[in-house]
PDB file of all heavy atoms in Angstrom:
ATOM      1  N   THR A   1      -5.578  -4.199   1.369  1.00  0.00           N
ATOM      2  CA  THR A   1      -5.956  -3.294   2.448  1.00  0.00           C
ATOM      3  C   THR A   1      -4.923  -3.527   3.590  1.00  0.00           C
ATOM      4  O   THR A   1      -4.815  -4.640   4.077  1.00  0.00           O
ATOM      5  CB  THR A   1      -7.373  -3.640   2.955  1.00  0.00           C
ATOM      6  OG1 THR A   1      -8.272  -3.571   1.841  1.00  0.00           O
ATOM      7  CG2 THR A   1      -7.785  -2.623   4.033  1.00  0.00           C
ATOM      8  N   THR A   2      -4.238  -2.424   3.936  1.00  0.00           N
ATOM      9  CA  THR A   2      -3.246  -2.512   4.981  1.00  0.00           C
ATOM     10  C   THR A   2      -3.617  -1.537   6.087  1.00  0.00           C
ATOM     11  O   THR A   2      -3.824  -0.354   5.822  1.00  0.00           O
ATOM     12  CB  THR A   2      -1.840  -2.201   4.444  1.00  0.00           C
ATOM     13  OG1 THR A   2      -1.557  -3.031   3.349  1.00  0.00           O
ATOM     14  CG2 THR A   2      -0.767  -2.382   5.506  1.00  0.00           C
ATOM     15  N   THR A   3      -3.574  -1.940   7.324  1.00  0.00           N
ATOM     16  CA  THR A   3      -3.837  -1.103   8.447  1.00  0.00           C
ATOM     17  C   THR A   3      -2.541  -0.974   9.267  1.00  0.00           C
ATOM     18  O   THR A   3      -1.972  -1.954   9.743  1.00  0.00           O
ATOM     19  CB  THR A   3      -4.921  -1.700   9.378  1.00  0.00           C
ATOM     20  OG1 THR A   3      -6.079  -1.952   8.614  1.00  0.00           O
ATOM     21  CG2 THR A   3      -5.265  -0.773  10.552  1.00  0.00           C
ATOM     22  N   PHE A   4      -2.092   0.257   9.348  1.00  0.00           N
ATOM     23  CA  PHE A   4      -0.846   0.575  10.074  1.00  0.00           C
ATOM     24  C   PHE A   4      -1.240   1.097  11.476  1.00  0.00           C
ATOM     25  O   PHE A   4      -2.237   1.761  11.632  1.00  0.00           O
ATOM     26  CB  PHE A   4      -0.035   1.678   9.344  1.00  0.00           C
ATOM     27  CG  PHE A   4       0.481   1.275   8.043  1.00  0.00           C
ATOM     28  CD1 PHE A   4      -0.279   1.512   6.908  1.00  0.00           C
ATOM     29  CD2 PHE A   4       1.662   0.596   7.909  1.00  0.00           C
ATOM     30  CE1 PHE A   4       0.203   1.133   5.649  1.00  0.00           C
ATOM     31  CE2 PHE A   4       2.184   0.196   6.664  1.00  0.00           C
ATOM     32  CZ  PHE A   4       1.448   0.470   5.531  1.00  0.00           C
ATOM     33  N   PHE A   5      -0.480   0.680  12.443  1.00  0.00           N
ATOM     34  CA  PHE A   5      -0.726   1.058  13.841  1.00  0.00           C
ATOM     35  C   PHE A   5       0.541   1.692  14.404  1.00  0.00           C
ATOM     36  O   PHE A   5       1.598   1.071  14.472  1.00  0.00           O
ATOM     37  CB  PHE A   5      -1.118  -0.166  14.671  1.00  0.00           C
ATOM     38  CG  PHE A   5      -1.637   0.121  16.032  1.00  0.00           C
ATOM     39  CD1 PHE A   5      -2.972   0.545  16.181  1.00  0.00           C
ATOM     40  CD2 PHE A   5      -0.834  -0.026  17.153  1.00  0.00           C
ATOM     41  CE1 PHE A   5      -3.457   0.806  17.481  1.00  0.00           C
ATOM     42  CE2 PHE A   5      -1.310   0.254  18.415  1.00  0.00           C
ATOM     43  CZ  PHE A   5      -2.649   0.656  18.590  1.00  0.00           C
ATOM     44  N   SER A   6       0.423   2.991  14.787  1.00  0.00           N
ATOM     45  CA  SER A   6       1.599   3.676  15.367  1.00  0.00           C
ATOM     46  C   SER A   6       1.799   3.279  16.811  1.00  0.00           C
ATOM     47  O   SER A   6       0.855   3.311  17.627  1.00  0.00           O
ATOM     48  CB  SER A   6       1.358   5.180  15.286  1.00  0.00           C
ATOM     49  OG  SER A   6       2.369   5.846  15.939  1.00  0.00           O
ATOM     50  N   ILE A   7       3.018   2.902  17.142  1.00  0.00           N
ATOM     51  CA  ILE A   7       3.329   2.515  18.522  1.00  0.00           C
ATOM     52  C   ILE A   7       4.301   3.516  19.153  1.00  0.00           C
ATOM     53  O   ILE A   7       4.896   3.209  20.161  1.00  0.00           O
ATOM     54  CB  ILE A   7       3.876   1.095  18.600  1.00  0.00           C
ATOM     55  CG1 ILE A   7       5.101   0.859  17.784  1.00  0.00           C
ATOM     56  CG2 ILE A   7       2.751   0.073  18.231  1.00  0.00           C
ATOM     57  CD1 ILE A   7       5.728  -0.497  17.911  1.00  0.00           C
ATOM     58  N   ALA A   8       4.408   4.655  18.537  1.00  0.00           N
ATOM     59  CA  ALA A   8       5.299   5.743  19.065  1.00  0.00           C
ATOM     60  C   ALA A   8       4.479   6.977  19.075  1.00  0.00           C
ATOM     61  O   ALA A   8       3.414   7.087  18.414  1.00  0.00           O
ATOM     62  CB  ALA A   8       6.534   5.926  18.143  1.00  0.00           C
ATOM     63  N   SER A   9       4.958   7.987  19.834  1.00  0.00           N
ATOM     64  CA  SER A   9       4.187   9.260  19.937  1.00  0.00           C
ATOM     65  C   SER A   9       4.132  10.006  18.610  1.00  0.00           C
ATOM     66  O   SER A   9       3.205  10.738  18.301  1.00  0.00           O
ATOM     67  CB  SER A   9       4.786  10.129  20.982  1.00  0.00           C
ATOM     68  OG  SER A   9       6.129  10.418  20.700  1.00  0.00           O
ATOM     69  N   ARG A  10       5.140   9.733  17.772  1.00  0.00           N
ATOM     70  CA  ARG A  10       5.221  10.343  16.411  1.00  0.00           C
ATOM     71  C   ARG A  10       5.844   9.362  15.513  1.00  0.00           C
ATOM     72  O   ARG A  10       6.902   8.823  15.846  1.00  0.00           O
ATOM     73  CB  ARG A  10       5.990  11.657  16.427  1.00  0.00           C
ATOM     74  CG  ARG A  10       5.942  12.321  15.076  1.00  0.00           C
ATOM     75  CD  ARG A  10       6.826  13.536  15.013  1.00  0.00           C
ATOM     76  NE  ARG A  10       6.773  14.230  13.769  1.00  0.00           N
ATOM     77  CZ  ARG A  10       7.247  13.781  12.600  1.00  0.00           C
ATOM     78  NH1 ARG A  10       7.801  12.613  12.557  1.00  0.00           N
ATOM     79  NH2 ARG A  10       7.161  14.508  11.527  1.00  0.00           N
ATOM     80  N   ALA A  11       5.273   9.111  14.341  1.00  0.00           N
ATOM     81  CA  ALA A  11       5.841   8.199  13.402  1.00  0.00           C
ATOM     82  C   ALA A  11       5.671   8.671  11.960  1.00  0.00           C
ATOM     83  O   ALA A  11       4.638   9.252  11.633  1.00  0.00           O
ATOM     84  CB  ALA A  11       5.227   6.809  13.568  1.00  0.00           C
ATOM     85  N   ASP A  12       6.650   8.448  11.103  1.00  0.00           N
ATOM     86  CA  ASP A  12       6.533   8.709   9.658  1.00  0.00           C
ATOM     87  C   ASP A  12       6.496   7.394   8.956  1.00  0.00           C
ATOM     88  O   ASP A  12       7.217   6.410   9.309  1.00  0.00           O
ATOM     89  CB  ASP A  12       7.822   9.445   9.168  1.00  0.00           C
ATOM     90  CG  ASP A  12       7.887  10.845   9.765  1.00  0.00           C
ATOM     91  OD1 ASP A  12       6.815  11.484   9.939  1.00  0.00           O
ATOM     92  OD2 ASP A  12       8.998  11.292   9.999  1.00  0.00           O
ATOM     93  N   ILE A  13       5.598   7.312   7.943  1.00  0.00           N
ATOM     94  CA  ILE A  13       5.455   6.093   7.202  1.00  0.00           C
ATOM     95  C   ILE A  13       5.760   6.383   5.739  1.00  0.00           C
ATOM     96  O   ILE A  13       5.121   7.257   5.127  1.00  0.00           O
ATOM     97  CB  ILE A  13       3.989   5.540   7.307  1.00  0.00           C
ATOM     98  CG1 ILE A  13       3.636   5.240   8.722  1.00  0.00           C
ATOM     99  CG2 ILE A  13       3.830   4.323   6.412  1.00  0.00           C
ATOM    100  CD1 ILE A  13       2.205   4.903   8.941  1.00  0.00           C
ATOM    101  N   GLY A  14       6.758   5.681   5.187  1.00  0.00           N
ATOM    102  CA  GLY A  14       7.060   5.779   3.807  1.00  0.00           C
ATOM    103  C   GLY A  14       6.466   4.575   3.084  1.00  0.00           C
ATOM    104  O   GLY A  14       6.730   3.438   3.476  1.00  0.00           O
ATOM    105  N   TYR A  15       5.660   4.767   2.062  1.00  0.00           N
ATOM    106  CA  TYR A  15       4.996   3.655   1.409  1.00  0.00           C
ATOM    107  C   TYR A  15       4.977   3.940  -0.045  1.00  0.00           C
ATOM    108  O   TYR A  15       4.459   4.995  -0.504  1.00  0.00           O
ATOM    109  CB  TYR A  15       3.586   3.469   1.930  1.00  0.00           C
ATOM    110  CG  TYR A  15       2.875   2.244   1.427  1.00  0.00           C
ATOM    111  CD1 TYR A  15       3.134   1.034   2.001  1.00  0.00           C
ATOM    112  CD2 TYR A  15       2.009   2.291   0.367  1.00  0.00           C
ATOM    113  CE1 TYR A  15       2.522  -0.108   1.565  1.00  0.00           C
ATOM    114  CE2 TYR A  15       1.350   1.166  -0.086  1.00  0.00           C
ATOM    115  CZ  TYR A  15       1.619  -0.039   0.538  1.00  0.00           C
ATOM    116  OH  TYR A  15       1.039  -1.193   0.079  1.00  0.00           O
ATOM    117  N   SER A  16       5.623   3.107  -0.847  1.00  0.00           N
ATOM    118  CA  SER A  16       5.642   3.308  -2.321  1.00  0.00           C
ATOM    119  C   SER A  16       5.087   2.100  -3.024  1.00  0.00           C
ATOM    120  O   SER A  16       5.099   0.990  -2.480  1.00  0.00           O
ATOM    121  CB  SER A  16       7.035   3.666  -2.810  1.00  0.00           C
ATOM    122  OG  SER A  16       7.840   2.567  -2.553  1.00  0.00           O
ATOM    123  N   THR A  17       4.635   2.312  -4.195  1.00  0.00           N
ATOM    124  CA  THR A  17       4.085   1.257  -5.026  1.00  0.00           C
ATOM    125  C   THR A  17       4.318   1.604  -6.471  1.00  0.00           C
ATOM    126  O   THR A  17       4.477   2.740  -6.826  1.00  0.00           O
ATOM    127  CB  THR A  17       2.591   1.021  -4.711  1.00  0.00           C
ATOM    128  OG1 THR A  17       2.166  -0.130  -5.453  1.00  0.00           O
ATOM    129  CG2 THR A  17       1.773   2.238  -5.091  1.00  0.00           C
ATOM    130  N   GLY A  18       4.409   0.591  -7.329  1.00  0.00           N
ATOM    131  CA  GLY A  18       4.626   0.837  -8.743  1.00  0.00           C
ATOM    132  C   GLY A  18       3.685   0.072  -9.602  1.00  0.00           C
ATOM    133  O   GLY A  18       2.963  -0.774  -9.140  1.00  0.00           O
ATOM    134  N   TYR A  19       3.716   0.385 -10.859  1.00  0.00           N
ATOM    135  CA  TYR A  19       2.880  -0.345 -11.810  1.00  0.00           C
ATOM    136  C   TYR A  19       3.451  -0.222 -13.200  1.00  0.00           C
ATOM    137  O   TYR A  19       4.292   0.637 -13.502  1.00  0.00           O
ATOM    138  CB  TYR A  19       1.434   0.185 -11.799  1.00  0.00           C
ATOM    139  CG  TYR A  19       1.305   1.657 -12.114  1.00  0.00           C
ATOM    140  CD1 TYR A  19       1.076   2.053 -13.472  1.00  0.00           C
ATOM    141  CD2 TYR A  19       1.401   2.639 -11.160  1.00  0.00           C
ATOM    142  CE1 TYR A  19       0.982   3.402 -13.745  1.00  0.00           C
ATOM    143  CE2 TYR A  19       1.249   3.959 -11.425  1.00  0.00           C
ATOM    144  CZ  TYR A  19       1.075   4.335 -12.722  1.00  0.00           C
ATOM    145  OH  TYR A  19       0.948   5.658 -13.050  1.00  0.00           O
ATOM    146  N   ASP A  20       3.004  -1.111 -14.127  1.00  0.00           N
ATOM    147  CA  ASP A  20       3.520  -1.087 -15.473  1.00  0.00           C
ATOM    148  C   ASP A  20       2.595  -0.315 -16.403  1.00  0.00           C
ATOM    149  O   ASP A  20       1.609   0.284 -15.940  1.00  0.00           O
ATOM    150  CB  ASP A  20       3.732  -2.526 -16.036  1.00  0.00           C
ATOM    151  CG  ASP A  20       2.461  -3.334 -15.961  1.00  0.00           C
ATOM    152  OD1 ASP A  20       1.349  -2.752 -16.127  1.00  0.00           O
ATOM    153  OD2 ASP A  20       2.530  -4.565 -15.763  1.00  0.00           O
ATOM    154  N   ASN A  21       2.785  -0.382 -17.681  1.00  0.00           N
ATOM    155  CA  ASN A  21       2.022   0.423 -18.634  1.00  0.00           C
ATOM    156  C   ASN A  21       0.630  -0.135 -18.887  1.00  0.00           C
ATOM    157  O   ASN A  21      -0.160   0.491 -19.538  1.00  0.00           O
ATOM    158  CB  ASN A  21       2.739   0.645 -19.942  1.00  0.00           C
ATOM    159  CG  ASN A  21       2.946  -0.681 -20.692  1.00  0.00           C
ATOM    160  OD1 ASN A  21       2.834  -1.769 -20.119  1.00  0.00           O
ATOM    161  ND2 ASN A  21       3.309  -0.581 -21.946  1.00  0.00           N
ATOM    162  N   GLU A  22       0.307  -1.288 -18.371  1.00  0.00           N
ATOM    163  CA  GLU A  22      -1.094  -1.848 -18.536  1.00  0.00           C
ATOM    164  C   GLU A  22      -1.835  -1.837 -17.278  1.00  0.00           C
ATOM    165  O   GLU A  22      -3.024  -2.198 -17.303  1.00  0.00           O
ATOM    166  CB  GLU A  22      -0.964  -3.255 -19.136  1.00  0.00           C
ATOM    167  CG  GLU A  22      -0.480  -3.295 -20.567  1.00  0.00           C
ATOM    168  CD  GLU A  22      -0.651  -4.683 -21.171  1.00  0.00           C
ATOM    169  OE1 GLU A  22      -1.300  -5.534 -20.601  1.00  0.00           O
ATOM    170  OE2 GLU A  22      -0.093  -4.886 -22.235  1.00  0.00           O
ATOM    171  N   SER A  23      -1.231  -1.495 -16.181  1.00  0.00           N
ATOM    172  CA  SER A  23      -1.933  -1.490 -14.905  1.00  0.00           C
ATOM    173  C   SER A  23      -2.546  -0.146 -14.637  1.00  0.00           C
ATOM    174  O   SER A  23      -2.210   0.858 -15.211  1.00  0.00           O
ATOM    175  CB  SER A  23      -0.940  -1.784 -13.757  1.00  0.00           C
ATOM    176  OG  SER A  23      -0.378  -3.054 -13.924  1.00  0.00           O
ATOM    177  N   SER A  24      -3.515  -0.156 -13.781  1.00  0.00           N
ATOM    178  CA  SER A  24      -4.116   1.097 -13.351  1.00  0.00           C
ATOM    179  C   SER A  24      -4.196   1.064 -11.801  1.00  0.00           C
ATOM    180  O   SER A  24      -4.215   0.004 -11.198  1.00  0.00           O
ATOM    181  CB  SER A  24      -5.536   1.280 -13.916  1.00  0.00           C
ATOM    182  OG  SER A  24      -6.357   0.258 -13.469  1.00  0.00           O
ATOM    183  N   ARG A  25      -4.203   2.248 -11.214  1.00  0.00           N
ATOM    184  CA  ARG A  25      -4.219   2.350  -9.761  1.00  0.00           C
ATOM    185  C   ARG A  25      -5.423   3.137  -9.347  1.00  0.00           C
ATOM    186  O   ARG A  25      -5.718   4.199  -9.913  1.00  0.00           O
ATOM    187  CB  ARG A  25      -3.006   3.062  -9.227  1.00  0.00           C
ATOM    188  CG  ARG A  25      -1.705   2.323  -9.399  1.00  0.00           C
ATOM    189  CD  ARG A  25      -1.847   0.983  -8.765  1.00  0.00           C
ATOM    190  NE  ARG A  25      -0.753   0.693  -7.901  1.00  0.00           N
ATOM    191  CZ  ARG A  25      -0.718  -0.443  -7.192  1.00  0.00           C
ATOM    192  NH1 ARG A  25      -1.727  -1.280  -7.206  1.00  0.00           N
ATOM    193  NH2 ARG A  25       0.312  -0.692  -6.403  1.00  0.00           N
ATOM    194  N   ASN A  26      -6.139   2.679  -8.327  1.00  0.00           N
ATOM    195  CA  ASN A  26      -7.218   3.408  -7.777  1.00  0.00           C
ATOM    196  C   ASN A  26      -6.974   3.500  -6.259  1.00  0.00           C
ATOM    197  O   ASN A  26      -7.298   2.571  -5.547  1.00  0.00           O
ATOM    198  CB  ASN A  26      -8.566   2.695  -8.053  1.00  0.00           C
ATOM    199  CG  ASN A  26      -9.735   3.465  -7.557  1.00  0.00           C
ATOM    200  OD1 ASN A  26      -9.578   4.609  -7.226  1.00  0.00           O
ATOM    201  ND2 ASN A  26     -10.876   2.823  -7.516  1.00  0.00           N
ATOM    202  N   ILE A  27      -6.402   4.531  -5.839  1.00  0.00           N
ATOM    203  CA  ILE A  27      -5.992   4.702  -4.460  1.00  0.00           C
ATOM    204  C   ILE A  27      -7.076   5.498  -3.741  1.00  0.00           C
ATOM    205  O   ILE A  27      -7.378   6.626  -4.164  1.00  0.00           O
ATOM    206  CB  ILE A  27      -4.619   5.377  -4.310  1.00  0.00           C
ATOM    207  CG1 ILE A  27      -3.575   4.550  -5.017  1.00  0.00           C
ATOM    208  CG2 ILE A  27      -4.274   5.629  -2.836  1.00  0.00           C
ATOM    209  CD1 ILE A  27      -2.246   5.148  -5.063  1.00  0.00           C
TER     210      ILE A  27
END
């Protein structure tokens, strides 16, 4: 669990994640 906090009037957040063939993701 990650909480991002914007400290500018406008901000873009790029966030990527990966997994292998046995993993599953529940976003």
